[in-house]
């Protein structure tokens, strides 16, 4: 039974930290996203309550830029992971093993 308590000592604080991060990111997304969404709907040149073409174009570009951030972060992390593996193999064996390093892609 002491093994379960050791696991709980590790898992419970990490679970609390994860819940806090999710809560904070949700609040941040709502604070930023809700006004942007309302402004986009109101200023839509075709069906908006108060059409503003320039404002709509600016907000659309901002939203499209913000929407691509998670993908950009993922690409950077994947590149760093791949590059780190290549450097590690180069330092230990003198040359990278491309077949082994790229096997996770296929």
C-alpha atoms as a PDB file:
ATOM      1  CA  UNK A   1       0.000   0.000   0.000  1.00  0.00           C
ATOM      2  CA  UNK A   2       2.903   2.403   0.530  1.00  0.00           C
ATOM      3  CA  UNK A   3       3.585   2.286  -3.237  1.00  0.00           C
ATOM      4  CA  UNK A   4       0.125   3.692  -3.930  1.00  0.00           C
ATOM      5  CA  UNK A   5       0.725   6.555  -1.519  1.00  0.00           C
ATOM      6  CA  UNK A   6       4.036   7.373  -3.216  1.00  0.00           C
ATOM      7  CA  UNK A   7       2.292   7.473  -6.578  1.00  0.00           C
ATOM      8  CA  UNK A   8      -0.493   9.668  -5.166  1.00  0.00           C
ATOM      9  CA  UNK A   9       2.103  12.043  -3.705  1.00  0.00           C
ATOM     10  CA  UNK A  10       3.461  12.546  -7.214  1.00  0.00           C
ATOM     11  CA  UNK A  11       0.218  12.468  -9.188  1.00  0.00           C
ATOM     12  CA  UNK A  12      -2.040  14.691  -7.078  1.00  0.00           C
ATOM     13  CA  UNK A  13       0.130  17.841  -7.141  1.00  0.00           C
ATOM     14  CA  UNK A  14       0.729  17.394 -10.880  1.00  0.00           C
ATOM     15  CA  UNK A  15      -3.009  16.969 -11.442  1.00  0.00           C
ATOM     16  CA  UNK A  16      -3.690  20.159  -9.506  1.00  0.00           C
ATOM     17  CA  UNK A  17      -1.071  22.033 -11.538  1.00  0.00           C
ATOM     18  CA  UNK A  18      -2.592  20.733 -14.781  1.00  0.00           C
ATOM     19  CA  UNK A  19      -6.094  21.809 -13.721  1.00  0.00           C
ATOM     20  CA  UNK A  20      -4.752  25.265 -12.808  1.00  0.00           C
ATOM     21  CA  UNK A  21      -3.043  25.636 -16.197  1.00  0.00           C
ATOM     22  CA  UNK A  22      -6.219  24.577 -18.013  1.00  0.00           C
ATOM     23  CA  UNK A  23      -8.305  27.011 -15.953  1.00  0.00           C
ATOM     24  CA  UNK A  24      -5.936  29.922 -16.554  1.00  0.00           C
ATOM     25  CA  UNK A  25      -5.681  29.235 -20.293  1.00  0.00           C
ATOM     26  CA  UNK A  26      -9.477  28.963 -20.517  1.00  0.00           C
ATOM     27  CA  UNK A  27      -9.938  32.304 -18.749  1.00  0.00           C
ATOM     28  CA  UNK A  28      -7.279  33.926 -20.965  1.00  0.00           C
ATOM     29  CA  UNK A  29      -8.929  32.510 -24.104  1.00  0.00           C
ATOM     30  CA  UNK A  30     -12.332  33.783 -23.046  1.00  0.00           C
ATOM     31  CA  UNK A  31     -11.010  37.247 -22.198  1.00  0.00           C
ATOM     32  CA  UNK A  32      -9.269  37.492 -25.561  1.00  0.00           C
ATOM     33  CA  UNK A  33     -11.613  35.435 -27.750  1.00  0.00           C
ATOM     34  CA  UNK A  34     -15.074  36.552 -26.729  1.00  0.00           C
ATOM     35  CA  UNK A  35     -14.629  40.259 -27.551  1.00  0.00           C
ATOM     36  CA  UNK A  36     -12.845  39.352 -30.798  1.00  0.00           C
ATOM     37  CA  UNK A  37     -15.689  37.039 -31.808  1.00  0.00           C
ATOM     38  CA  UNK A  38     -18.351  39.616 -31.010  1.00  0.00           C
ATOM     39  CA  UNK A  39     -16.473  42.326 -32.919  1.00  0.00           C
ATOM     40  CA  UNK A  40     -16.048  39.994 -35.898  1.00  0.00           C
ATOM     41  CA  UNK A  41     -19.762  39.182 -35.987  1.00  0.00           C
ATOM     42  CA  UNK A  42     -20.837  42.786 -35.554  1.00  0.00           C
ATOM     43  CA  UNK A  43     -18.404  44.211 -38.125  1.00  0.00           C
ATOM     44  CA  UNK A  44     -18.938  41.531 -40.815  1.00  0.00           C
ATOM     45  CA  UNK A  45     -19.354  43.443 -44.106  1.00  0.00           C
ATOM     46  CA  UNK A  46     -21.965  40.984 -45.434  1.00  0.00           C
ATOM     47  CA  UNK A  47     -24.206  40.173 -42.473  1.00  0.00           C
ATOM     48  CA  UNK A  48     -22.954  42.315 -39.595  1.00  0.00           C
ATOM     49  CA  UNK A  49     -25.108  44.610 -37.476  1.00  0.00           C
ATOM     50  CA  UNK A  50     -22.718  47.495 -38.099  1.00  0.00           C
ATOM     51  CA  UNK A  51     -20.540  46.602 -41.127  1.00  0.00           C
ATOM     52  CA  UNK A  52     -16.962  47.860 -40.919  1.00  0.00           C
ATOM     53  CA  UNK A  53     -14.884  46.333 -43.700  1.00  0.00           C
ATOM     54  CA  UNK A  54     -11.466  47.599 -42.523  1.00  0.00           C
ATOM     55  CA  UNK A  55     -12.019  46.554 -38.900  1.00  0.00           C
ATOM     56  CA  UNK A  56     -13.263  43.153 -40.036  1.00  0.00           C
ATOM     57  CA  UNK A  57     -10.176  42.575 -42.205  1.00  0.00           C
ATOM     58  CA  UNK A  58      -7.805  43.589 -39.400  1.00  0.00           C
ATOM     59  CA  UNK A  59      -9.551  41.357 -36.854  1.00  0.00           C
ATOM     60  CA  UNK A  60      -9.670  38.442 -39.298  1.00  0.00           C
ATOM     61  CA  UNK A  61      -5.918  38.665 -39.799  1.00  0.00           C
ATOM     62  CA  UNK A  62      -5.317  38.817 -36.041  1.00  0.00           C
ATOM     63  CA  UNK A  63      -7.505  35.745 -35.479  1.00  0.00           C
ATOM     64  CA  UNK A  64      -5.799  33.823 -38.281  1.00  0.00           C
ATOM     65  CA  UNK A  65      -2.366  34.658 -36.844  1.00  0.00           C
ATOM     66  CA  UNK A  66      -3.396  33.602 -33.333  1.00  0.00           C
ATOM     67  CA  UNK A  67      -4.950  30.400 -34.657  1.00  0.00           C
ATOM     68  CA  UNK A  68      -1.620  29.276 -36.128  1.00  0.00           C
ATOM     69  CA  UNK A  69       0.373  29.628 -32.861  1.00  0.00           C
ATOM     70  CA  UNK A  70      -0.239  26.081 -31.553  1.00  0.00           C
ATOM     71  CA  UNK A  71       0.930  24.573 -34.860  1.00  0.00           C
ATOM     72  CA  UNK A  72       4.047  26.766 -34.907  1.00  0.00           C
ATOM     73  CA  UNK A  73       4.885  25.733 -31.338  1.00  0.00           C
ATOM     74  CA  UNK A  74       4.399  22.064 -32.260  1.00  0.00           C
ATOM     75  CA  UNK A  75       6.703  22.387 -35.278  1.00  0.00           C
ATOM     76  CA  UNK A  76       9.405  24.084 -33.196  1.00  0.00           C
ATOM     77  CA  UNK A  77       9.222  21.386 -30.525  1.00  0.00           C
ATOM     78  CA  UNK A  78       9.357  18.582 -33.100  1.00  0.00           C
ATOM     79  CA  UNK A  79      12.334  20.210 -34.795  1.00  0.00           C
ATOM     80  CA  UNK A  80      14.166  20.622 -31.492  1.00  0.00           C
ATOM     81  CA  UNK A  81      13.424  17.012 -30.551  1.00  0.00           C
ATOM     82  CA  UNK A  82      14.685  15.699 -33.894  1.00  0.00           C
ATOM     83  CA  UNK A  83      17.739  17.975 -33.880  1.00  0.00           C
ATOM     84  CA  UNK A  84      18.538  17.001 -30.283  1.00  0.00           C
ATOM     85  CA  UNK A  85      18.432  13.306 -31.168  1.00  0.00           C
ATOM     86  CA  UNK A  86      20.755  13.870 -34.134  1.00  0.00           C
ATOM     87  CA  UNK A  87      23.239  15.796 -31.975  1.00  0.00           C
ATOM     88  CA  UNK A  88      23.132  13.142 -29.267  1.00  0.00           C
ATOM     89  CA  UNK A  89      23.807  10.349 -31.770  1.00  0.00           C
ATOM     90  CA  UNK A  90      26.576  12.370 -33.394  1.00  0.00           C
ATOM     91  CA  UNK A  91      28.304  12.892 -30.052  1.00  0.00           C
ATOM     92  CA  UNK A  92      28.039   9.253 -28.976  1.00  0.00           C
ATOM     93  CA  UNK A  93      28.689   7.401 -32.258  1.00  0.00           C
ATOM     94  CA  UNK A  94      30.370  10.026 -34.397  1.00  0.00           C
ATOM     95  CA  UNK A  95      27.641   9.941 -37.046  1.00  0.00           C
ATOM     96  CA  UNK A  96      23.837  10.108 -36.967  1.00  0.00           C
ATOM     97  CA  UNK A  97      21.801   6.991 -37.708  1.00  0.00           C
ATOM     98  CA  UNK A  98      19.147   8.427 -40.038  1.00  0.00           C
ATOM     99  CA  UNK A  99      17.092   5.251 -40.284  1.00  0.00           C
ATOM    100  CA  UNK A 100      16.714   4.955 -36.508  1.00  0.00           C
ATOM    101  CA  UNK A 101      16.180   8.698 -36.018  1.00  0.00           C
ATOM    102  CA  UNK A 102      13.473   9.059 -38.665  1.00  0.00           C
ATOM    103  CA  UNK A 103      11.625   5.832 -37.795  1.00  0.00           C
ATOM    104  CA  UNK A 104       9.162   7.698 -35.542  1.00  0.00           C
ATOM    105  CA  UNK A 105       7.991   9.786 -38.525  1.00  0.00           C
ATOM    106  CA  UNK A 106       6.811   6.799 -40.606  1.00  0.00           C
END
